[in-house]
Amino acid sequence: MFTSFSVVAEPLQTDSSRGKLLYSLHCIACHNEQVHWLANKKASDWPSLIAQVKLWQNISNLKWSEKDVDNVARYLNNVYYHYPTPNTVAGKK
């Protein structure tokens, strides 16, 4: 007699939680909360935030996808910056 087992898939991480994970694994060692509220911060809007995430992931040789860059930028934006964002993934229209 065979029994059928149903496997319940774990829910996919949201963009923000994926961004938080990537940031926690790769960025937090050099960053603390203060880096995001400096008076002369480099990110002044959504495009410059994306540019900074791209810059630093390149410097760190992380080879993130555009989606990963977008996820990390959205996480940082949700937590620290609160800039208006497009409804699209970075680099796509």
N, C-alpha and C. Protein backbone atom coordinates (compact mmCIF):
# COMPACT_ATOMS: atom_id res chain seq x y z
N MET A 1 0.84 -1.17 0.00
CA MET A 1 0.00 0.00 0.00
C MET A 1 0.89 1.24 0.00
N PHE A 2 0.57 2.14 -0.89
CA PHE A 2 1.33 3.38 -1.01
C PHE A 2 0.55 4.52 -0.38
N THR A 3 1.28 5.35 0.29
CA THR A 3 0.66 6.51 0.92
C THR A 3 1.18 7.76 0.23
N SER A 4 0.31 8.66 -0.04
CA SER A 4 0.70 9.91 -0.67
C SER A 4 1.03 10.93 0.41
N PHE A 5 2.17 11.54 0.27
CA PHE A 5 2.58 12.58 1.20
C PHE A 5 2.57 13.92 0.47
N SER A 6 2.05 14.87 1.12
CA SER A 6 2.03 16.22 0.57
C SER A 6 3.13 17.03 1.23
N VAL A 7 3.93 17.66 0.42
CA VAL A 7 5.00 18.49 0.94
C VAL A 7 4.57 19.94 0.80
N VAL A 8 4.63 20.64 1.90
CA VAL A 8 4.27 22.06 1.88
C VAL A 8 5.56 22.85 1.70
N ALA A 9 5.58 23.62 0.66
CA ALA A 9 6.77 24.43 0.39
C ALA A 9 6.80 25.61 1.35
N GLU A 10 8.01 25.97 1.75
CA GLU A 10 8.16 27.16 2.58
C GLU A 10 7.87 28.37 1.73
N PRO A 11 7.24 29.39 2.32
CA PRO A 11 6.97 30.59 1.54
C PRO A 11 8.26 31.25 1.09
N LEU A 12 8.25 31.83 -0.09
CA LEU A 12 9.41 32.54 -0.58
C LEU A 12 9.62 33.79 0.25
N GLN A 13 10.88 34.16 0.42
CA GLN A 13 11.18 35.37 1.17
C GLN A 13 10.71 36.57 0.37
N THR A 14 10.24 37.56 1.08
CA THR A 14 9.87 38.80 0.41
C THR A 14 11.14 39.54 0.02
N ASP A 15 11.01 40.50 -0.86
CA ASP A 15 12.16 41.28 -1.29
C ASP A 15 12.89 41.88 -0.10
N SER A 16 12.12 42.41 0.85
CA SER A 16 12.73 43.06 2.00
C SER A 16 13.49 42.06 2.87
N SER A 17 12.94 40.88 3.07
CA SER A 17 13.64 39.91 3.93
C SER A 17 14.87 39.36 3.22
N ARG A 18 14.81 39.19 1.89
CA ARG A 18 16.00 38.77 1.14
C ARG A 18 17.07 39.86 1.22
N GLY A 19 16.65 41.10 1.08
CA GLY A 19 17.59 42.21 1.19
C GLY A 19 18.22 42.29 2.57
N LYS A 20 17.42 42.05 3.59
CA LYS A 20 17.93 42.06 4.97
C LYS A 20 18.95 40.95 5.15
N LEU A 21 18.66 39.78 4.62
CA LEU A 21 19.58 38.64 4.72
C LEU A 21 20.91 38.96 4.04
N LEU A 22 20.84 39.45 2.81
CA LEU A 22 22.08 39.78 2.09
C LEU A 22 22.87 40.85 2.81
N TYR A 23 22.18 41.88 3.28
CA TYR A 23 22.85 42.96 4.00
C TYR A 23 23.50 42.43 5.28
N SER A 24 22.77 41.59 6.00
CA SER A 24 23.29 41.04 7.25
C SER A 24 24.52 40.15 7.02
N LEU A 25 24.50 39.41 5.95
CA LEU A 25 25.61 38.50 5.66
C LEU A 25 26.84 39.20 5.10
N HIS A 26 26.64 40.24 4.30
CA HIS A 26 27.75 40.80 3.54
C HIS A 26 28.13 42.23 3.88
N CYS A 27 27.27 42.97 4.54
CA CYS A 27 27.51 44.40 4.70
C CYS A 27 27.66 44.86 6.15
N ILE A 28 26.97 44.21 7.04
CA ILE A 28 26.87 44.69 8.42
C ILE A 28 28.22 44.69 9.14
N ALA A 29 29.16 43.87 8.68
CA ALA A 29 30.47 43.83 9.33
C ALA A 29 31.17 45.18 9.27
N CYS A 30 30.96 45.91 8.18
CA CYS A 30 31.61 47.23 8.03
C CYS A 30 30.66 48.39 8.32
N HIS A 31 29.38 48.11 8.34
CA HIS A 31 28.38 49.15 8.53
C HIS A 31 27.71 48.98 9.89
N ASN A 32 27.35 50.08 10.46
CA ASN A 32 26.44 50.05 11.59
C ASN A 32 25.34 51.05 11.27
N GLU A 33 24.39 51.19 12.14
CA GLU A 33 23.25 52.05 11.88
C GLU A 33 23.67 53.48 11.57
N GLN A 34 24.75 53.95 12.16
CA GLN A 34 25.19 55.33 11.97
C GLN A 34 25.56 55.65 10.52
N VAL A 35 26.05 54.68 9.79
CA VAL A 35 26.47 54.94 8.41
C VAL A 35 25.30 55.40 7.56
N HIS A 36 24.08 55.07 7.94
CA HIS A 36 22.92 55.42 7.14
C HIS A 36 22.28 56.75 7.54
N TRP A 37 22.79 57.39 8.58
CA TRP A 37 22.21 58.69 8.93
C TRP A 37 23.25 59.79 9.01
N LEU A 38 24.38 59.59 8.38
CA LEU A 38 25.39 60.63 8.32
C LEU A 38 24.86 61.83 7.53
N ALA A 39 25.25 63.01 7.95
CA ALA A 39 24.78 64.22 7.30
C ALA A 39 25.20 64.28 5.83
N ASN A 40 26.37 63.75 5.51
CA ASN A 40 26.86 63.79 4.13
C ASN A 40 26.67 62.44 3.43
N LYS A 41 25.55 61.81 3.67
CA LYS A 41 25.30 60.50 3.07
C LYS A 41 25.31 60.59 1.54
N LYS A 42 25.75 59.52 0.92
CA LYS A 42 25.88 59.47 -0.54
C LYS A 42 24.54 59.21 -1.22
N ALA A 43 23.63 58.55 -0.54
CA ALA A 43 22.31 58.27 -1.12
C ALA A 43 21.35 59.39 -0.75
N SER A 44 20.86 60.08 -1.77
CA SER A 44 19.94 61.19 -1.52
C SER A 44 18.56 60.95 -2.14
N ASP A 45 18.44 59.87 -2.91
CA ASP A 45 17.17 59.50 -3.52
C ASP A 45 17.27 58.03 -3.95
N TRP A 46 16.20 57.50 -4.51
CA TRP A 46 16.18 56.09 -4.89
C TRP A 46 17.29 55.73 -5.90
N PRO A 47 17.47 56.49 -6.99
CA PRO A 47 18.53 56.13 -7.93
C PRO A 47 19.93 56.14 -7.31
N SER A 48 20.19 57.09 -6.43
CA SER A 48 21.53 57.13 -5.82
C SER A 48 21.69 56.03 -4.78
N LEU A 49 20.61 55.59 -4.16
CA LEU A 49 20.69 54.44 -3.24
C LEU A 49 21.02 53.18 -4.02
N ILE A 50 20.35 52.96 -5.15
CA ILE A 50 20.67 51.81 -6.01
C ILE A 50 22.14 51.88 -6.44
N ALA A 51 22.59 53.07 -6.83
CA ALA A 51 23.98 53.24 -7.28
C ALA A 51 24.97 52.90 -6.17
N GLN A 52 24.68 53.29 -4.94
CA GLN A 52 25.57 52.99 -3.82
C GLN A 52 25.61 51.49 -3.52
N VAL A 53 24.45 50.83 -3.57
CA VAL A 53 24.43 49.38 -3.33
C VAL A 53 25.22 48.68 -4.43
N LYS A 54 25.04 49.10 -5.69
CA LYS A 54 25.81 48.51 -6.80
C LYS A 54 27.30 48.74 -6.61
N LEU A 55 27.67 49.96 -6.26
CA LEU A 55 29.08 50.30 -6.07
C LEU A 55 29.72 49.40 -5.02
N TRP A 56 29.09 49.29 -3.86
CA TRP A 56 29.70 48.56 -2.77
C TRP A 56 29.65 47.04 -2.95
N GLN A 57 28.64 46.54 -3.65
CA GLN A 57 28.66 45.11 -3.93
C GLN A 57 29.74 44.80 -4.95
N ASN A 58 30.02 45.74 -5.87
CA ASN A 58 31.13 45.55 -6.81
C ASN A 58 32.47 45.61 -6.11
N ILE A 59 32.64 46.59 -5.23
CA ILE A 59 33.89 46.72 -4.48
C ILE A 59 34.14 45.46 -3.65
N SER A 60 33.06 44.90 -3.11
CA SER A 60 33.16 43.68 -2.28
C SER A 60 33.18 42.40 -3.11
N ASN A 61 33.08 42.55 -4.44
CA ASN A 61 33.11 41.42 -5.36
C ASN A 61 32.04 40.38 -5.03
N LEU A 62 30.83 40.85 -4.74
CA LEU A 62 29.74 39.95 -4.36
C LEU A 62 29.01 39.34 -5.55
N LYS A 63 29.09 39.99 -6.71
CA LYS A 63 28.45 39.48 -7.92
C LYS A 63 26.95 39.26 -7.76
N TRP A 64 26.30 40.21 -7.11
CA TRP A 64 24.85 40.15 -6.93
C TRP A 64 24.14 40.38 -8.25
N SER A 65 22.98 39.79 -8.38
CA SER A 65 22.12 40.05 -9.52
C SER A 65 21.46 41.42 -9.34
N GLU A 66 20.83 41.91 -10.41
CA GLU A 66 20.08 43.16 -10.30
C GLU A 66 18.97 43.02 -9.26
N LYS A 67 18.36 41.85 -9.18
CA LYS A 67 17.29 41.61 -8.21
C LYS A 67 17.85 41.69 -6.78
N ASP A 68 19.04 41.13 -6.56
CA ASP A 68 19.66 41.21 -5.23
C ASP A 68 19.98 42.66 -4.86
N VAL A 69 20.51 43.41 -5.81
CA VAL A 69 20.80 44.83 -5.57
C VAL A 69 19.50 45.55 -5.20
N ASP A 70 18.46 45.29 -5.96
CA ASP A 70 17.16 45.90 -5.70
C ASP A 70 16.65 45.50 -4.32
N ASN A 71 16.77 44.23 -3.96
CA ASN A 71 16.30 43.75 -2.65
C ASN A 71 17.02 44.45 -1.51
N VAL A 72 18.33 44.58 -1.61
CA VAL A 72 19.10 45.23 -0.55
C VAL A 72 18.74 46.72 -0.48
N ALA A 73 18.63 47.35 -1.64
CA ALA A 73 18.25 48.77 -1.65
C ALA A 73 16.87 48.97 -1.06
N ARG A 74 15.92 48.09 -1.38
CA ARG A 74 14.57 48.21 -0.81
C ARG A 74 14.59 47.98 0.70
N TYR A 75 15.38 47.04 1.17
CA TYR A 75 15.51 46.82 2.61
C TYR A 75 16.05 48.09 3.28
N LEU A 76 17.15 48.63 2.76
CA LEU A 76 17.74 49.84 3.34
C LEU A 76 16.76 51.01 3.27
N ASN A 77 16.05 51.10 2.17
CA ASN A 77 15.09 52.19 2.02
C ASN A 77 13.95 52.06 3.03
N ASN A 78 13.46 50.85 3.23
CA ASN A 78 12.38 50.63 4.20
C ASN A 78 12.81 50.95 5.62
N VAL A 79 14.05 50.64 5.94
CA VAL A 79 14.53 50.81 7.32
C VAL A 79 15.07 52.21 7.59
N TYR A 80 15.81 52.78 6.62
CA TYR A 80 16.53 54.02 6.89
C TYR A 80 16.10 55.24 6.07
N TYR A 81 15.89 55.07 4.78
CA TYR A 81 15.82 56.24 3.91
C TYR A 81 14.41 56.73 3.58
N HIS A 82 13.53 55.83 3.27
CA HIS A 82 12.13 56.17 2.96
C HIS A 82 11.98 57.06 1.72
N TYR A 83 12.78 56.80 0.69
CA TYR A 83 12.66 57.52 -0.57
C TYR A 83 11.52 56.92 -1.39
N PRO A 84 10.89 57.71 -2.22
CA PRO A 84 9.90 57.14 -3.15
C PRO A 84 10.62 56.17 -4.09
N THR A 85 9.99 55.03 -4.35
CA THR A 85 10.61 54.01 -5.19
C THR A 85 9.70 53.66 -6.37
N PRO A 86 10.32 53.23 -7.45
CA PRO A 86 9.51 52.74 -8.57
C PRO A 86 8.96 51.36 -8.21
N ASN A 87 7.95 50.94 -8.92
CA ASN A 87 7.37 49.62 -8.68
C ASN A 87 8.05 48.53 -9.48
N THR A 88 9.19 48.84 -10.05
CA THR A 88 9.90 47.88 -10.88
C THR A 88 11.21 47.50 -10.24
N VAL A 89 11.78 46.41 -10.71
CA VAL A 89 13.09 45.97 -10.26
C VAL A 89 14.13 46.91 -10.86
N ALA A 90 15.20 47.15 -10.15
CA ALA A 90 16.26 48.03 -10.65
C ALA A 90 16.72 47.58 -12.03
N GLY A 91 16.85 48.55 -12.92
CA GLY A 91 17.34 48.24 -14.24
C GLY A 91 16.28 47.84 -15.24
N LYS A 92 15.03 47.64 -14.82
CA LYS A 92 13.96 47.27 -15.71
C LYS A 92 12.88 48.32 -15.68
N LYS A 93 12.21 48.53 -16.78
CA LYS A 93 11.12 49.51 -16.84
C LYS A 93 9.80 48.82 -17.02
